[in-house]
């Protein structure tokens, strides 16, 4: 059951930060041609849902590991996910 909560919290964290990425003003033109265009139509709702996903992920981690370890592990999980999204979505070609 611990592994299930851990994997599900990672999925929620990734989904939340991908939603934050989609509603970013700099990425608006890139998202228009993808199926995630729906997220940009209602940016405030998308932002609220992303925050709710982060809270649910934190609550699942608290359920498994306790408050202090869950809070630290949330930030440890967020860091590589943000880095992965940046590497996958940004054009890093030399000029």
PDB file of N, CA and C in Angstrom:
ATOM      1  N   UNK A   1       0.815  -1.191   0.000  1.00  0.00           N
ATOM      2  CA  UNK A   1       0.000   0.000   0.000  1.00  0.00           C
ATOM      3  C   UNK A   1       0.866   1.266   0.000  1.00  0.00           C
ATOM      4  N   UNK A   2       2.049   1.185   0.638  1.00  0.00           N
ATOM      5  CA  UNK A   2       2.945   2.340   0.663  1.00  0.00           C
ATOM      6  C   UNK A   2       3.423   2.694  -0.741  1.00  0.00           C
ATOM      7  N   UNK A   3       3.750   1.672  -1.519  1.00  0.00           N
ATOM      8  CA  UNK A   3       4.235   1.907  -2.877  1.00  0.00           C
ATOM      9  C   UNK A   3       3.146   2.542  -3.731  1.00  0.00           C
ATOM     10  N   UNK A   4       1.915   2.099  -3.562  1.00  0.00           N
ATOM     11  CA  UNK A   4       0.796   2.648  -4.320  1.00  0.00           C
ATOM     12  C   UNK A   4       0.617   4.132  -4.025  1.00  0.00           C
ATOM     13  N   UNK A   5       0.636   4.508  -2.742  1.00  0.00           N
ATOM     14  CA  UNK A   5       0.500   5.916  -2.370  1.00  0.00           C
ATOM     15  C   UNK A   5       1.683   6.739  -2.881  1.00  0.00           C
ATOM     16  N   UNK A   6       2.865   6.164  -2.837  1.00  0.00           N
ATOM     17  CA  UNK A   6       4.049   6.865  -3.308  1.00  0.00           C
ATOM     18  C   UNK A   6       3.969   7.136  -4.810  1.00  0.00           C
ATOM     19  N   UNK A   7       3.616   6.124  -5.582  1.00  0.00           N
ATOM     20  CA  UNK A   7       3.505   6.284  -7.032  1.00  0.00           C
ATOM     21  C   UNK A   7       2.369   7.227  -7.389  1.00  0.00           C
ATOM     22  N   UNK A   8       1.241   7.097  -6.713  1.00  0.00           N
ATOM     23  CA  UNK A   8       0.114   7.971  -6.984  1.00  0.00           C
ATOM     24  C   UNK A   8       0.433   9.424  -6.629  1.00  0.00           C
ATOM     25  N   UNK A   9       1.160   9.644  -5.553  1.00  0.00           N
ATOM     26  CA  UNK A   9       1.546  11.007  -5.210  1.00  0.00           C
ATOM     27  C   UNK A   9       2.516  11.574  -6.240  1.00  0.00           C
ATOM     28  N   UNK A  10       3.413  10.759  -6.771  1.00  0.00           N
ATOM     29  CA  UNK A  10       4.306  11.219  -7.833  1.00  0.00           C
ATOM     30  C   UNK A  10       3.524  11.588  -9.092  1.00  0.00           C
ATOM     31  N   UNK A  11       2.516  10.804  -9.425  1.00  0.00           N
ATOM     32  CA  UNK A  11       1.673  11.114 -10.580  1.00  0.00           C
ATOM     33  C   UNK A  11       0.917  12.420 -10.354  1.00  0.00           C
ATOM     34  N   UNK A  12       0.402  12.622  -9.163  1.00  0.00           N
ATOM     35  CA  UNK A  12      -0.307  13.869  -8.844  1.00  0.00           C
ATOM     36  C   UNK A  12       0.632  15.077  -8.909  1.00  0.00           C
ATOM     37  N   UNK A  13       1.835  14.925  -8.397  1.00  0.00           N
ATOM     38  CA  UNK A  13       2.806  16.023  -8.438  1.00  0.00           C
ATOM     39  C   UNK A  13       3.170  16.351  -9.875  1.00  0.00           C
ATOM     40  N   UNK A  14       3.429  15.334 -10.678  1.00  0.00           N
ATOM     41  CA  UNK A  14       3.759  15.564 -12.084  1.00  0.00           C
ATOM     42  C   UNK A  14       2.595  16.225 -12.813  1.00  0.00           C
ATOM     43  N   UNK A  15       1.381  15.763 -12.564  1.00  0.00           N
ATOM     44  CA  UNK A  15       0.205  16.350 -13.210  1.00  0.00           C
ATOM     45  C   UNK A  15       0.016  17.804 -12.811  1.00  0.00           C
ATOM     46  N   UNK A  16       0.218  18.107 -11.548  1.00  0.00           N
ATOM     47  CA  UNK A  16       0.058  19.482 -11.080  1.00  0.00           C
ATOM     48  C   UNK A  16       1.079  20.404 -11.728  1.00  0.00           C
ATOM     49  N   UNK A  17       2.321  19.989 -11.771  1.00  0.00           N
ATOM     50  CA  UNK A  17       3.320  20.873 -12.351  1.00  0.00           C
ATOM     51  C   UNK A  17       3.220  20.949 -13.861  1.00  0.00           C
ATOM     52  N   UNK A  18       2.723  19.914 -14.503  1.00  0.00           N
ATOM     53  CA  UNK A  18       2.476  20.011 -15.939  1.00  0.00           C
ATOM     54  C   UNK A  18       1.319  20.979 -16.207  1.00  0.00           C
ATOM     55  N   UNK A  19       0.334  20.993 -15.332  1.00  0.00           N
ATOM     56  CA  UNK A  19      -0.761  21.958 -15.468  1.00  0.00           C
ATOM     57  C   UNK A  19      -0.232  23.379 -15.277  1.00  0.00           C
ATOM     58  N   UNK A  20       0.647  23.581 -14.291  1.00  0.00           N
ATOM     59  CA  UNK A  20       1.264  24.892 -14.116  1.00  0.00           C
ATOM     60  C   UNK A  20       2.054  25.293 -15.359  1.00  0.00           C
ATOM     61  N   UNK A  21       2.730  24.331 -15.962  1.00  0.00           N
ATOM     62  CA  UNK A  21       3.487  24.603 -17.181  1.00  0.00           C
ATOM     63  C   UNK A  21       2.555  25.004 -18.320  1.00  0.00           C
ATOM     64  N   UNK A  22       1.424  24.335 -18.429  1.00  0.00           N
ATOM     65  CA  UNK A  22       0.499  24.607 -19.532  1.00  0.00           C
ATOM     66  C   UNK A  22      -0.137  25.991 -19.435  1.00  0.00           C
ATOM     67  N   UNK A  23      -0.377  26.479 -18.239  1.00  0.00           N
ATOM     68  CA  UNK A  23      -1.024  27.783 -18.121  1.00  0.00           C
ATOM     69  C   UNK A  23      -0.020  28.931 -18.053  1.00  0.00           C
ATOM     70  N   UNK A  24       1.248  28.619 -18.203  1.00  0.00           N
ATOM     71  CA  UNK A  24       2.276  29.643 -18.235  1.00  0.00           C
ATOM     72  C   UNK A  24       2.111  30.473 -19.505  1.00  0.00           C
ATOM     73  N   UNK A  25       2.192  31.790 -19.381  1.00  0.00           N
ATOM     74  CA  UNK A  25       1.989  32.687 -20.523  1.00  0.00           C
ATOM     75  C   UNK A  25       3.048  32.487 -21.614  1.00  0.00           C
ATOM     76  N   UNK A  26       4.254  32.122 -21.233  1.00  0.00           N
ATOM     77  CA  UNK A  26       5.310  31.926 -22.219  1.00  0.00           C
ATOM     78  C   UNK A  26       5.071  30.689 -23.081  1.00  0.00           C
ATOM     79  N   UNK A  27       4.373  29.711 -22.557  1.00  0.00           N
ATOM     80  CA  UNK A  27       4.144  28.470 -23.285  1.00  0.00           C
ATOM     81  C   UNK A  27       2.782  28.421 -23.976  1.00  0.00           C
ATOM     82  N   UNK A  28       2.063  29.509 -23.943  1.00  0.00           N
ATOM     83  CA  UNK A  28       0.696  29.524 -24.463  1.00  0.00           C
ATOM     84  C   UNK A  28       0.647  29.152 -25.941  1.00  0.00           C
ATOM     85  N   UNK A  29       1.560  29.671 -26.758  1.00  0.00           N
ATOM     86  CA  UNK A  29       1.564  29.370 -28.196  1.00  0.00           C
ATOM     87  C   UNK A  29       1.883  27.905 -28.472  1.00  0.00           C
ATOM     88  N   UNK A  30       2.735  27.317 -27.649  1.00  0.00           N
ATOM     89  CA  UNK A  30       3.092  25.909 -27.850  1.00  0.00           C
ATOM     90  C   UNK A  30       1.959  24.973 -27.468  1.00  0.00           C
ATOM     91  N   UNK A  31       1.149  25.358 -26.518  1.00  0.00           N
ATOM     92  CA  UNK A  31       0.076  24.498 -26.019  1.00  0.00           C
ATOM     93  C   UNK A  31      -1.147  24.548 -26.936  1.00  0.00           C
ATOM     94  N   UNK A  32      -1.271  25.596 -27.748  1.00  0.00           N
ATOM     95  CA  UNK A  32      -2.460  25.741 -28.599  1.00  0.00           C
ATOM     96  C   UNK A  32      -2.656  24.569 -29.555  1.00  0.00           C
ATOM     97  N   UNK A  33      -1.583  23.923 -29.974  1.00  0.00           N
ATOM     98  CA  UNK A  33      -1.670  22.830 -30.946  1.00  0.00           C
ATOM     99  C   UNK A  33      -1.713  21.458 -30.309  1.00  0.00           C
ATOM    100  N   UNK A  34      -1.849  21.396 -29.013  1.00  0.00           N
ATOM    101  CA  UNK A  34      -1.864  20.106 -28.318  1.00  0.00           C
ATOM    102  C   UNK A  34      -3.243  19.842 -27.728  1.00  0.00           C
ATOM    103  N   UNK A  35      -3.501  18.610 -27.319  1.00  0.00           N
ATOM    104  CA  UNK A  35      -4.788  18.315 -26.669  1.00  0.00           C
ATOM    105  C   UNK A  35      -4.947  18.978 -25.304  1.00  0.00           C
ATOM    106  N   UNK A  36      -3.888  19.517 -24.748  1.00  0.00           N
ATOM    107  CA  UNK A  36      -3.953  20.171 -23.441  1.00  0.00           C
ATOM    108  C   UNK A  36      -4.396  21.623 -23.558  1.00  0.00           C
ATOM    109  N   UNK A  37      -4.880  22.015 -24.712  1.00  0.00           N
ATOM    110  CA  UNK A  37      -5.374  23.367 -24.918  1.00  0.00           C
ATOM    111  C   UNK A  37      -6.519  23.693 -23.965  1.00  0.00           C
ATOM    112  N   UNK A  38      -7.262  22.694 -23.565  1.00  0.00           N
ATOM    113  CA  UNK A  38      -8.386  22.890 -22.647  1.00  0.00           C
ATOM    114  C   UNK A  38      -7.907  23.505 -21.329  1.00  0.00           C
ATOM    115  N   UNK A  39      -6.715  23.153 -20.909  1.00  0.00           N
ATOM    116  CA  UNK A  39      -6.187  23.697 -19.656  1.00  0.00           C
ATOM    117  C   UNK A  39      -5.955  25.197 -19.737  1.00  0.00           C
ATOM    118  N   UNK A  40      -5.668  25.705 -20.930  1.00  0.00           N
ATOM    119  CA  UNK A  40      -5.397  27.128 -21.066  1.00  0.00           C
ATOM    120  C   UNK A  40      -6.675  27.960 -21.187  1.00  0.00           C
ATOM    121  N   UNK A  41      -7.791  27.332 -21.441  1.00  0.00           N
ATOM    122  CA  UNK A  41      -9.039  28.083 -21.566  1.00  0.00           C
ATOM    123  C   UNK A  41      -9.510  28.617 -20.217  1.00  0.00           C
ATOM    124  N   UNK A  42      -9.274  27.866 -19.167  1.00  0.00           N
ATOM    125  CA  UNK A  42      -9.659  28.269 -17.815  1.00  0.00           C
ATOM    126  C   UNK A  42      -8.438  28.200 -16.897  1.00  0.00           C
ATOM    127  N   UNK A  43      -7.565  29.187 -16.960  1.00  0.00           N
ATOM    128  CA  UNK A  43      -6.313  29.089 -16.202  1.00  0.00           C
ATOM    129  C   UNK A  43      -6.505  29.111 -14.685  1.00  0.00           C
ATOM    130  N   UNK A  44      -7.480  29.849 -14.178  1.00  0.00           N
ATOM    131  CA  UNK A  44      -7.692  29.890 -12.726  1.00  0.00           C
ATOM    132  C   UNK A  44      -8.190  28.544 -12.209  1.00  0.00           C
ATOM    133  N   UNK A  45      -9.091  27.913 -12.945  1.00  0.00           N
ATOM    134  CA  UNK A  45      -9.572  26.580 -12.544  1.00  0.00           C
ATOM    135  C   UNK A  45      -8.449  25.554 -12.608  1.00  0.00           C
ATOM    136  N   UNK A  46      -7.628  25.658 -13.653  1.00  0.00           N
ATOM    137  CA  UNK A  46      -6.495  24.748 -13.788  1.00  0.00           C
ATOM    138  C   UNK A  46      -5.519  24.933 -12.638  1.00  0.00           C
ATOM    139  N   UNK A  47      -5.286  26.172 -12.263  1.00  0.00           N
ATOM    140  CA  UNK A  47      -4.373  26.451 -11.154  1.00  0.00           C
ATOM    141  C   UNK A  47      -4.933  25.914  -9.843  1.00  0.00           C
ATOM    142  N   UNK A  48      -6.215  26.077  -9.605  1.00  0.00           N
ATOM    143  CA  UNK A  48      -6.834  25.545  -8.378  1.00  0.00           C
ATOM    144  C   UNK A  48      -6.767  24.028  -8.340  1.00  0.00           C
ATOM    145  N   UNK A  49      -7.035  23.391  -9.466  1.00  0.00           N
ATOM    146  CA  UNK A  49      -6.962  21.928  -9.524  1.00  0.00           C
ATOM    147  C   UNK A  49      -5.533  21.454  -9.278  1.00  0.00           C
ATOM    148  N   UNK A  50      -4.550  22.181  -9.821  1.00  0.00           N
ATOM    149  CA  UNK A  50      -3.155  21.804  -9.607  1.00  0.00           C
ATOM    150  C   UNK A  50      -2.774  21.922  -8.136  1.00  0.00           C
ATOM    151  N   UNK A  51      -3.225  22.985  -7.476  1.00  0.00           N
ATOM    152  CA  UNK A  51      -2.953  23.124  -6.043  1.00  0.00           C
ATOM    153  C   UNK A  51      -3.637  22.018  -5.239  1.00  0.00           C
ATOM    154  N   UNK A  52      -4.837  21.670  -5.631  1.00  0.00           N
ATOM    155  CA  UNK A  52      -5.551  20.583  -4.941  1.00  0.00           C
ATOM    156  C   UNK A  52      -4.804  19.265  -5.117  1.00  0.00           C
ATOM    157  N   UNK A  53      -4.272  19.020  -6.324  1.00  0.00           N
ATOM    158  CA  UNK A  53      -3.483  17.804  -6.542  1.00  0.00           C
ATOM    159  C   UNK A  53      -2.238  17.775  -5.670  1.00  0.00           C
ATOM    160  N   UNK A  54      -1.588  18.926  -5.502  1.00  0.00           N
ATOM    161  CA  UNK A  54      -0.410  18.977  -4.623  1.00  0.00           C
ATOM    162  C   UNK A  54      -0.789  18.716  -3.166  1.00  0.00           C
ATOM    163  N   UNK A  55      -1.922  19.239  -2.744  1.00  0.00           N
ATOM    164  CA  UNK A  55      -2.371  19.004  -1.369  1.00  0.00           C
ATOM    165  C   UNK A  55      -2.716  17.543  -1.165  1.00  0.00           C
ATOM    166  N   UNK A  56      -3.374  16.930  -2.145  1.00  0.00           N
ATOM    167  CA  UNK A  56      -3.709  15.501  -2.038  1.00  0.00           C
ATOM    168  C   UNK A  56      -2.437  14.662  -1.991  1.00  0.00           C
ATOM    169  N   UNK A  57      -1.450  15.020  -2.824  1.00  0.00           N
ATOM    170  CA  UNK A  57      -0.178  14.293  -2.793  1.00  0.00           C
ATOM    171  C   UNK A  57       0.495  14.418  -1.437  1.00  0.00           C
ATOM    172  N   UNK A  58       0.470  15.620  -0.876  1.00  0.00           N
ATOM    173  CA  UNK A  58       1.059  15.818   0.451  1.00  0.00           C
ATOM    174  C   UNK A  58       0.304  15.013   1.501  1.00  0.00           C
ATOM    175  N   UNK A  59      -1.012  14.988   1.428  1.00  0.00           N
ATOM    176  CA  UNK A  59      -1.789  14.215   2.405  1.00  0.00           C
ATOM    177  C   UNK A  59      -1.520  12.710   2.293  1.00  0.00           C
ATOM    178  N   UNK A  60      -1.334  12.224   1.069  1.00  0.00           N
ATOM    179  CA  UNK A  60      -1.005  10.797   0.913  1.00  0.00           C
ATOM    180  C   UNK A  60       0.370  10.493   1.484  1.00  0.00           C
ATOM    181  N   UNK A  61       1.321  11.396   1.264  1.00  0.00           N
ATOM    182  CA  UNK A  61       2.648  11.184   1.835  1.00  0.00           C
ATOM    183  C   UNK A  61       2.619  11.280   3.358  1.00  0.00           C
ATOM    184  N   UNK A  62       1.801  12.170   3.895  1.00  0.00           N
ATOM    185  CA  UNK A  62       1.658  12.263   5.356  1.00  0.00           C
ATOM    186  C   UNK A  62       1.052  10.987   5.905  1.00  0.00           C
ATOM    187  N   UNK A  63       0.090  10.427   5.197  1.00  0.00           N
ATOM    188  CA  UNK A  63      -0.567   9.189   5.647  1.00  0.00           C
ATOM    189  C   UNK A  63       0.439   8.042   5.759  1.00  0.00           C
ATOM    190  N   UNK A  64       1.379   8.004   4.835  1.00  0.00           N
ATOM    191  CA  UNK A  64       2.336   6.898   4.817  1.00  0.00           C
ATOM    192  C   UNK A  64       3.530   7.157   5.726  1.00  0.00           C
ATOM    193  N   UNK A  65       4.103   8.367   5.676  1.00  0.00           N
ATOM    194  CA  UNK A  65       5.387   8.604   6.324  1.00  0.00           C
ATOM    195  C   UNK A  65       5.354   9.527   7.534  1.00  0.00           C
ATOM    196  N   UNK A  66       4.271  10.207   7.781  1.00  0.00           N
ATOM    197  CA  UNK A  66       4.229  11.188   8.855  1.00  0.00           C
ATOM    198  C   UNK A  66       4.479  12.586   8.305  1.00  0.00           C
ATOM    199  N   UNK A  67       4.189  13.597   9.111  1.00  0.00           N
ATOM    200  CA  UNK A  67       4.192  14.970   8.592  1.00  0.00           C
ATOM    201  C   UNK A  67       5.566  15.468   8.178  1.00  0.00           C
ATOM    202  N   UNK A  68       6.548  15.346   9.047  1.00  0.00           N
ATOM    203  CA  UNK A  68       7.850  15.962   8.755  1.00  0.00           C
ATOM    204  C   UNK A  68       8.545  15.293   7.580  1.00  0.00           C
ATOM    205  N   UNK A  69       8.513  13.984   7.527  1.00  0.00           N
ATOM    206  CA  UNK A  69       9.157  13.276   6.415  1.00  0.00           C
ATOM    207  C   UNK A  69       8.380  13.508   5.127  1.00  0.00           C
ATOM    208  N   UNK A  70       7.058  13.574   5.217  1.00  0.00           N
ATOM    209  CA  UNK A  70       6.246  13.795   4.017  1.00  0.00           C
ATOM    210  C   UNK A  70       6.479  15.180   3.433  1.00  0.00           C
ATOM    211  N   UNK A  71       6.617  16.180   4.285  1.00  0.00           N
ATOM    212  CA  UNK A  71       6.846  17.531   3.792  1.00  0.00           C
ATOM    213  C   UNK A  71       8.187  17.628   3.072  1.00  0.00           C
ATOM    214  N   UNK A  72       9.201  17.033   3.634  1.00  0.00           N
ATOM    215  CA  UNK A  72      10.525  17.043   2.999  1.00  0.00           C
ATOM    216  C   UNK A  72      10.516  16.207   1.726  1.00  0.00           C
ATOM    217  N   UNK A  73       9.877  15.048   1.745  1.00  0.00           N
ATOM    218  CA  UNK A  73       9.855  14.204   0.552  1.00  0.00           C
ATOM    219  C   UNK A  73       9.045  14.831  -0.567  1.00  0.00           C
ATOM    220  N   UNK A  74       8.035  15.638  -0.236  1.00  0.00           N
ATOM    221  CA  UNK A  74       7.298  16.352  -1.280  1.00  0.00           C
ATOM    222  C   UNK A  74       8.244  17.264  -2.049  1.00  0.00           C
ATOM    223  N   UNK A  75       9.085  18.010  -1.345  1.00  0.00           N
ATOM    224  CA  UNK A  75      10.011  18.909  -2.020  1.00  0.00           C
ATOM    225  C   UNK A  75      11.118  18.136  -2.733  1.00  0.00           C
ATOM    226  N   UNK A  76      11.499  16.992  -2.202  1.00  0.00           N
ATOM    227  CA  UNK A  76      12.503  16.171  -2.888  1.00  0.00           C
ATOM    228  C   UNK A  76      11.936  15.603  -4.181  1.00  0.00           C
ATOM    229  N   UNK A  77      10.655  15.249  -4.198  1.00  0.00           N
ATOM    230  CA  UNK A  77      10.022  14.745  -5.419  1.00  0.00           C
ATOM    231  C   UNK A  77       9.761  15.858  -6.427  1.00  0.00           C
ATOM    232  N   UNK A  78       9.462  17.051  -5.945  1.00  0.00           N
ATOM    233  CA  UNK A  78       9.132  18.161  -6.849  1.00  0.00           C
ATOM    234  C   UNK A  78      10.351  18.600  -7.653  1.00  0.00           C
ATOM    235  N   UNK A  79      11.513  18.620  -7.061  1.00  0.00           N
ATOM    236  CA  UNK A  79      12.703  19.139  -7.730  1.00  0.00           C
ATOM    237  C   UNK A  79      13.045  18.399  -9.019  1.00  0.00           C
ATOM    238  N   UNK A  80      13.171  17.071  -9.036  1.00  0.00           N
ATOM    239  CA  UNK A  80      13.497  16.422 -10.315  1.00  0.00           C
ATOM    240  C   UNK A  80      12.339  16.450 -11.313  1.00  0.00           C
ATOM    241  N   UNK A  81      11.112  16.525 -10.824  1.00  0.00           N
ATOM    242  CA  UNK A  81       9.979  16.582 -11.745  1.00  0.00           C
ATOM    243  C   UNK A  81       9.982  17.905 -12.499  1.00  0.00           C
ATOM    244  N   UNK A  82      10.252  18.998 -11.801  1.00  0.00           N
ATOM    245  CA  UNK A  82      10.343  20.295 -12.473  1.00  0.00           C
ATOM    246  C   UNK A  82      11.491  20.291 -13.472  1.00  0.00           C
ATOM    247  N   UNK A  83      12.625  19.752 -13.084  1.00  0.00           N
ATOM    248  CA  UNK A  83      13.777  19.678 -13.986  1.00  0.00           C
ATOM    249  C   UNK A  83      13.448  18.831 -15.211  1.00  0.00           C
ATOM    250  N   UNK A  84      12.755  17.725 -15.027  1.00  0.00           N
ATOM    251  CA  UNK A  84      12.374  16.855 -16.140  1.00  0.00           C
ATOM    252  C   UNK A  84      11.415  17.563 -17.092  1.00  0.00           C
ATOM    253  N   UNK A  85      10.443  18.277 -16.553  1.00  0.00           N
ATOM    254  CA  UNK A  85       9.508  19.017 -17.411  1.00  0.00           C
ATOM    255  C   UNK A  85      10.240  20.096 -18.195  1.00  0.00           C
ATOM    256  N   UNK A  86      11.172  20.782 -17.565  1.00  0.00           N
ATOM    257  CA  UNK A  86      11.938  21.817 -18.260  1.00  0.00           C
ATOM    258  C   UNK A  86      12.756  21.211 -19.389  1.00  0.00           C
ATOM    259  N   UNK A  87      13.409  20.090 -19.127  1.00  0.00           N
ATOM    260  CA  UNK A  87      14.224  19.471 -20.169  1.00  0.00           C
ATOM    261  C   UNK A  87      13.389  18.923 -21.317  1.00  0.00           C
ATOM    262  N   UNK A  88      12.244  18.351 -21.012  1.00  0.00           N
ATOM    263  CA  UNK A  88      11.428  17.751 -22.061  1.00  0.00           C
ATOM    264  C   UNK A  88      10.690  18.772 -22.912  1.00  0.00           C
ATOM    265  N   UNK A  89      10.266  19.859 -22.331  1.00  0.00           N
ATOM    266  CA  UNK A  89       9.387  20.786 -23.046  1.00  0.00           C
ATOM    267  C   UNK A  89      10.073  21.991 -23.664  1.00  0.00           C
ATOM    268  N   UNK A  90      11.213  22.398 -23.162  1.00  0.00           N
ATOM    269  CA  UNK A  90      11.881  23.564 -23.718  1.00  0.00           C
ATOM    270  C   UNK A  90      12.792  23.157 -24.858  1.00  0.00           C
ATOM    271  N   UNK A  91      12.868  24.026 -25.856  1.00  0.00           N
ATOM    272  CA  UNK A  91      13.789  23.795 -26.962  1.00  0.00           C
ATOM    273  C   UNK A  91      15.176  24.232 -26.529  1.00  0.00           C
ATOM    274  N   UNK A  92      16.066  23.281 -26.358  1.00  0.00           N
ATOM    275  CA  UNK A  92      17.414  23.573 -25.876  1.00  0.00           C
ATOM    276  C   UNK A  92      18.426  23.432 -26.998  1.00  0.00           C
ATOM    277  N   UNK A  93      18.062  23.876 -28.189  1.00  0.00           N
ATOM    278  CA  UNK A  93      18.952  23.796 -29.325  1.00  0.00           C
ATOM    279  C   UNK A  93      19.914  24.975 -29.306  1.00  0.00           C
ATOM    280  N   UNK A  94      21.161  24.749 -29.711  1.00  0.00           N
ATOM    281  CA  UNK A  94      22.094  25.886 -29.757  1.00  0.00           C
ATOM    282  C   UNK A  94      21.709  26.855 -30.869  1.00  0.00           C
ATOM    283  N   UNK A  95      21.981  28.137 -30.629  1.00  0.00           N
ATOM    284  CA  UNK A  95      21.623  29.158 -31.608  1.00  0.00           C
ATOM    285  C   UNK A  95      22.717  29.389 -32.614  1.00  0.00           C
TER     286      UNK A  95
END
